[in-house]
C-alpha cells in the first residue's frame, strides 16, 4: 500500500541555500527509484524558511529498509542538525484519493 510522508522543516535562515542545494540533489536522486511515486515541496508564503515536503512511496517497509539507507542520502542526513532550527516534524499518511487537473499540473 502506498504511503505518504509529510515532513515540515524550520530552516535556519543562514542555511537556506545549503538546505535547498542538498534537498534538490536528494529529490533528483529519489525520482529514479522504482518504488517512488512523487514528491512536492511547499514553502510557507509568510516565512520562506518554513517548508513542507510530501513524498509518496509504494511501500513503507521499503522506505525504512532500503530508501533511507541509500548512499545519496548520507550528506542530507548528516547536515540536518546544522540546517534546521528544530527537528523535522514527520507524519505518515495513506493516500485515499488523488485528483489532478491537466491544466494545472506542476
N, C-alpha and C. Protein backbone atom coordinates (compact mmCIF):
# COMPACT_ATOMS: atom_id res chain seq x y z
N UNK A 1 0.84 -1.18 0.00
CA UNK A 1 0.00 0.00 0.00
C UNK A 1 0.89 1.25 0.00
N UNK A 2 0.56 2.19 -0.84
CA UNK A 2 1.32 3.43 -0.91
C UNK A 2 1.28 4.17 0.42
N UNK A 3 2.32 4.93 0.68
CA UNK A 3 2.43 5.70 1.91
C UNK A 3 2.99 7.09 1.58
N UNK A 4 2.44 8.09 2.25
CA UNK A 4 2.91 9.47 2.06
C UNK A 4 3.48 9.99 3.37
N UNK A 5 4.63 10.62 3.26
CA UNK A 5 5.28 11.25 4.41
C UNK A 5 5.14 12.75 4.25
N UNK A 6 4.62 13.40 5.28
CA UNK A 6 4.52 14.85 5.31
C UNK A 6 5.60 15.32 6.28
N UNK A 7 6.55 16.09 5.77
CA UNK A 7 7.72 16.48 6.56
C UNK A 7 7.79 18.00 6.58
N UNK A 8 7.77 18.56 7.78
CA UNK A 8 7.86 20.02 7.91
C UNK A 8 9.25 20.38 8.43
N UNK A 9 9.79 21.44 7.84
CA UNK A 9 11.13 21.91 8.16
C UNK A 9 11.10 23.36 8.62
N UNK A 10 11.85 23.66 9.65
CA UNK A 10 12.08 25.04 10.09
C UNK A 10 13.58 25.28 9.87
N UNK A 11 13.89 25.94 8.78
CA UNK A 11 15.27 26.08 8.31
C UNK A 11 15.93 27.30 8.96
N UNK A 12 17.17 27.15 9.36
CA UNK A 12 17.94 28.29 9.85
C UNK A 12 18.14 29.25 8.67
N UNK A 13 17.85 30.53 8.86
CA UNK A 13 17.94 31.48 7.72
C UNK A 13 19.29 31.46 7.00
N UNK A 14 20.37 31.34 7.75
CA UNK A 14 21.70 31.35 7.11
C UNK A 14 22.02 30.02 6.43
N UNK A 15 21.15 29.03 6.55
CA UNK A 15 21.38 27.71 5.95
C UNK A 15 20.40 27.39 4.82
N UNK A 16 19.55 28.36 4.46
CA UNK A 16 18.51 28.08 3.47
C UNK A 16 19.09 27.64 2.12
N UNK A 17 20.11 28.31 1.64
CA UNK A 17 20.69 27.96 0.34
C UNK A 17 21.28 26.54 0.38
N UNK A 18 21.98 26.22 1.45
CA UNK A 18 22.56 24.88 1.58
C UNK A 18 21.45 23.83 1.69
N UNK A 19 20.41 24.14 2.46
CA UNK A 19 19.26 23.25 2.57
C UNK A 19 18.70 22.94 1.19
N UNK A 20 18.46 23.97 0.40
CA UNK A 20 17.88 23.79 -0.92
C UNK A 20 18.80 22.99 -1.84
N UNK A 21 20.09 23.25 -1.77
CA UNK A 21 21.05 22.53 -2.61
C UNK A 21 21.05 21.04 -2.27
N UNK A 22 21.12 20.72 -0.99
CA UNK A 22 21.15 19.31 -0.58
C UNK A 22 19.81 18.63 -0.87
N UNK A 23 18.71 19.32 -0.61
CA UNK A 23 17.40 18.72 -0.87
C UNK A 23 17.17 18.51 -2.37
N UNK A 24 17.62 19.44 -3.18
CA UNK A 24 17.47 19.30 -4.63
C UNK A 24 18.20 18.04 -5.11
N UNK A 25 19.41 17.84 -4.64
CA UNK A 25 20.16 16.64 -5.01
C UNK A 25 19.47 15.37 -4.56
N UNK A 26 18.91 15.40 -3.35
CA UNK A 26 18.19 14.25 -2.83
C UNK A 26 16.96 13.94 -3.66
N UNK A 27 16.16 14.97 -3.95
CA UNK A 27 14.95 14.76 -4.74
C UNK A 27 15.27 14.29 -6.16
N UNK A 28 16.32 14.84 -6.74
CA UNK A 28 16.71 14.42 -8.08
C UNK A 28 17.09 12.94 -8.10
N UNK A 29 17.74 12.46 -7.04
CA UNK A 29 18.12 11.05 -6.96
C UNK A 29 16.91 10.16 -6.68
N UNK A 30 16.03 10.60 -5.78
CA UNK A 30 14.84 9.82 -5.42
C UNK A 30 13.96 9.56 -6.63
N UNK A 31 13.88 10.52 -7.50
CA UNK A 31 13.00 10.44 -8.67
C UNK A 31 13.23 9.17 -9.49
N UNK A 32 14.42 8.62 -9.41
CA UNK A 32 14.77 7.46 -10.23
C UNK A 32 14.56 6.12 -9.51
N UNK A 33 14.10 6.16 -8.27
CA UNK A 33 13.86 4.93 -7.52
C UNK A 33 12.58 4.26 -8.02
N UNK A 34 12.60 2.95 -8.21
CA UNK A 34 11.41 2.27 -8.75
C UNK A 34 10.19 2.32 -7.83
N UNK A 35 10.37 2.47 -6.53
CA UNK A 35 9.23 2.49 -5.60
C UNK A 35 8.71 3.91 -5.34
N UNK A 36 9.35 4.91 -5.93
CA UNK A 36 8.98 6.31 -5.72
C UNK A 36 7.77 6.68 -6.57
N UNK A 37 6.83 7.41 -5.98
CA UNK A 37 5.66 7.91 -6.71
C UNK A 37 5.82 9.39 -7.03
N UNK A 38 5.95 10.25 -5.98
CA UNK A 38 6.06 11.68 -6.21
C UNK A 38 6.53 12.39 -4.95
N UNK A 39 7.00 13.61 -5.14
CA UNK A 39 7.34 14.49 -4.03
C UNK A 39 6.99 15.91 -4.44
N UNK A 40 6.47 16.67 -3.49
CA UNK A 40 6.13 18.07 -3.74
C UNK A 40 6.64 18.88 -2.56
N UNK A 41 7.43 19.89 -2.85
CA UNK A 41 7.97 20.78 -1.82
C UNK A 41 7.13 22.05 -1.80
N UNK A 42 6.72 22.45 -0.60
CA UNK A 42 5.90 23.65 -0.42
C UNK A 42 6.65 24.63 0.46
N UNK A 43 6.48 25.92 0.19
CA UNK A 43 7.05 26.98 1.03
C UNK A 43 5.92 27.74 1.71
N UNK A 44 6.13 28.10 2.95
CA UNK A 44 5.17 28.92 3.69
C UNK A 44 5.20 30.32 3.07
N UNK A 45 4.07 30.85 2.60
CA UNK A 45 4.07 32.16 1.95
C UNK A 45 4.44 33.30 2.91
N UNK A 46 4.38 33.05 4.20
CA UNK A 46 4.71 34.09 5.17
C UNK A 46 6.11 33.95 5.76
N UNK A 47 6.77 32.82 5.49
CA UNK A 47 8.10 32.59 6.05
C UNK A 47 8.84 31.63 5.12
N UNK A 48 9.76 32.14 4.32
CA UNK A 48 10.47 31.31 3.35
C UNK A 48 11.32 30.22 3.99
N UNK A 49 11.54 30.31 5.28
CA UNK A 49 12.36 29.30 5.97
C UNK A 49 11.53 28.19 6.60
N UNK A 50 10.25 28.20 6.35
CA UNK A 50 9.37 27.10 6.75
C UNK A 50 8.93 26.40 5.48
N UNK A 51 9.22 25.11 5.41
CA UNK A 51 8.86 24.34 4.22
C UNK A 51 8.20 23.04 4.63
N UNK A 52 7.42 22.53 3.70
CA UNK A 52 6.77 21.24 3.90
C UNK A 52 7.01 20.41 2.64
N UNK A 53 7.43 19.19 2.85
CA UNK A 53 7.65 18.26 1.76
C UNK A 53 6.70 17.10 1.95
N UNK A 54 6.00 16.74 0.89
CA UNK A 54 5.31 15.46 0.99
C UNK A 54 5.84 14.58 -0.12
N UNK A 55 6.08 13.35 0.28
CA UNK A 55 6.60 12.38 -0.69
C UNK A 55 5.83 11.08 -0.54
N UNK A 56 5.49 10.50 -1.66
CA UNK A 56 4.72 9.27 -1.68
C UNK A 56 5.56 8.15 -2.28
N UNK A 57 5.55 7.02 -1.60
CA UNK A 57 6.29 5.83 -1.99
C UNK A 57 5.34 4.64 -2.06
N UNK A 58 5.74 3.62 -2.75
CA UNK A 58 4.91 2.43 -2.92
C UNK A 58 4.76 1.64 -1.64
N UNK A 59 5.81 1.61 -0.79
CA UNK A 59 5.79 0.70 0.35
C UNK A 59 6.58 1.26 1.54
N UNK A 60 5.96 1.31 2.70
CA UNK A 60 6.59 1.84 3.91
C UNK A 60 7.82 1.02 4.31
N UNK A 61 7.72 -0.30 4.26
CA UNK A 61 8.85 -1.15 4.65
C UNK A 61 10.05 -0.91 3.73
N UNK A 62 9.81 -0.72 2.45
CA UNK A 62 10.90 -0.42 1.52
C UNK A 62 11.58 0.90 1.89
N UNK A 63 10.79 1.88 2.27
CA UNK A 63 11.36 3.17 2.68
C UNK A 63 12.27 2.96 3.89
N UNK A 64 11.78 2.23 4.89
CA UNK A 64 12.56 2.02 6.11
C UNK A 64 13.79 1.14 5.91
N UNK A 65 13.64 0.10 5.12
CA UNK A 65 14.72 -0.89 4.98
C UNK A 65 15.69 -0.59 3.84
N UNK A 66 15.24 0.15 2.81
CA UNK A 66 16.07 0.38 1.63
C UNK A 66 16.33 1.87 1.40
N UNK A 67 15.27 2.63 1.25
CA UNK A 67 15.41 4.01 0.77
C UNK A 67 16.20 4.91 1.73
N UNK A 68 15.90 4.87 3.01
CA UNK A 68 16.61 5.78 3.93
C UNK A 68 18.08 5.41 4.08
N UNK A 69 18.48 4.24 3.60
CA UNK A 69 19.86 3.79 3.69
C UNK A 69 20.65 4.03 2.40
N UNK A 70 20.04 4.65 1.42
CA UNK A 70 20.72 4.91 0.15
C UNK A 70 21.91 5.85 0.38
N UNK A 71 23.04 5.59 -0.27
CA UNK A 71 24.23 6.45 -0.09
C UNK A 71 23.98 7.92 -0.43
N UNK A 72 23.11 8.21 -1.39
CA UNK A 72 22.88 9.61 -1.76
C UNK A 72 22.17 10.39 -0.65
N UNK A 73 21.67 9.73 0.38
CA UNK A 73 21.01 10.41 1.49
C UNK A 73 21.96 10.78 2.62
N UNK A 74 23.18 10.25 2.60
CA UNK A 74 24.11 10.43 3.72
C UNK A 74 24.42 11.90 4.01
N UNK A 75 24.77 12.67 3.00
CA UNK A 75 25.11 14.08 3.21
C UNK A 75 23.91 14.86 3.75
N UNK A 76 22.73 14.55 3.24
CA UNK A 76 21.50 15.21 3.69
C UNK A 76 21.26 14.95 5.18
N UNK A 77 21.28 13.68 5.56
CA UNK A 77 21.02 13.34 6.96
C UNK A 77 22.09 13.90 7.89
N UNK A 78 23.32 13.88 7.46
CA UNK A 78 24.41 14.42 8.29
C UNK A 78 24.28 15.93 8.49
N UNK A 79 23.77 16.63 7.50
CA UNK A 79 23.68 18.10 7.57
C UNK A 79 22.46 18.60 8.32
N UNK A 80 21.43 17.78 8.49
CA UNK A 80 20.18 18.27 9.08
C UNK A 80 20.34 19.01 10.41
N UNK A 81 21.16 18.55 11.35
CA UNK A 81 21.29 19.31 12.60
C UNK A 81 21.80 20.75 12.39
N UNK A 82 22.62 20.96 11.38
CA UNK A 82 23.13 22.30 11.09
C UNK A 82 22.13 23.13 10.30
N UNK A 83 21.32 22.48 9.49
CA UNK A 83 20.39 23.18 8.60
C UNK A 83 19.12 23.65 9.30
N UNK A 84 18.68 22.91 10.30
CA UNK A 84 17.37 23.15 10.88
C UNK A 84 17.42 23.81 12.24
N UNK A 85 16.45 24.70 12.48
CA UNK A 85 16.33 25.37 13.77
C UNK A 85 15.68 24.45 14.81
N UNK A 86 14.93 23.46 14.34
CA UNK A 86 14.29 22.48 15.22
C UNK A 86 14.17 21.17 14.44
N UNK A 87 13.97 20.07 15.14
CA UNK A 87 13.86 18.78 14.44
C UNK A 87 12.70 18.77 13.44
N UNK A 88 12.85 17.97 12.40
CA UNK A 88 11.77 17.79 11.42
C UNK A 88 10.53 17.25 12.11
N UNK A 89 9.38 17.65 11.60
CA UNK A 89 8.11 17.08 12.04
C UNK A 89 7.66 16.15 10.92
N UNK A 90 7.61 14.85 11.19
CA UNK A 90 7.28 13.86 10.16
C UNK A 90 5.99 13.14 10.56
N UNK A 91 5.05 13.11 9.65
CA UNK A 91 3.84 12.32 9.87
C UNK A 91 3.64 11.40 8.66
N UNK A 92 2.94 10.31 8.89
CA UNK A 92 2.75 9.28 7.86
C UNK A 92 1.26 9.18 7.54
N UNK A 93 0.97 9.15 6.23
CA UNK A 93 -0.41 9.11 5.76
C UNK A 93 -0.54 8.05 4.67
N UNK A 94 -1.74 7.53 4.50
CA UNK A 94 -2.03 6.61 3.41
C UNK A 94 -2.97 7.31 2.43
N UNK A 95 -2.56 7.42 1.16
CA UNK A 95 -3.42 8.06 0.17
C UNK A 95 -4.75 7.31 0.02
N UNK A 96 -5.80 8.07 -0.08
CA UNK A 96 -7.12 7.51 -0.29
C UNK A 96 -7.62 7.86 -1.70
N UNK A 97 -7.29 9.06 -2.13
CA UNK A 97 -7.73 9.51 -3.45
C UNK A 97 -6.76 10.58 -3.93
N UNK A 98 -6.57 10.64 -5.23
CA UNK A 98 -5.70 11.65 -5.83
C UNK A 98 -6.38 12.19 -7.09
N UNK A 99 -6.50 13.50 -7.16
CA UNK A 99 -7.09 14.16 -8.32
C UNK A 99 -6.15 15.26 -8.78
N UNK A 100 -5.96 15.35 -10.09
CA UNK A 100 -5.09 16.38 -10.64
C UNK A 100 -5.72 16.92 -11.93
N UNK A 101 -5.63 18.21 -12.07
CA UNK A 101 -6.07 18.84 -13.31
C UNK A 101 -4.91 18.84 -14.28
N UNK A 102 -5.15 18.43 -15.48
CA UNK A 102 -4.11 18.50 -16.51
C UNK A 102 -3.71 19.95 -16.76
N UNK A 103 -4.65 20.83 -16.61
CA UNK A 103 -4.41 22.25 -16.86
C UNK A 103 -3.40 22.84 -15.89
N UNK A 104 -3.39 22.36 -14.64
CA UNK A 104 -2.53 22.94 -13.62
C UNK A 104 -1.45 21.97 -13.12
N UNK A 105 -1.09 21.00 -13.89
CA UNK A 105 -0.05 20.05 -13.48
C UNK A 105 1.24 20.81 -13.27
N UNK A 106 1.96 20.44 -12.21
CA UNK A 106 3.22 21.12 -11.88
C UNK A 106 4.31 20.76 -12.85
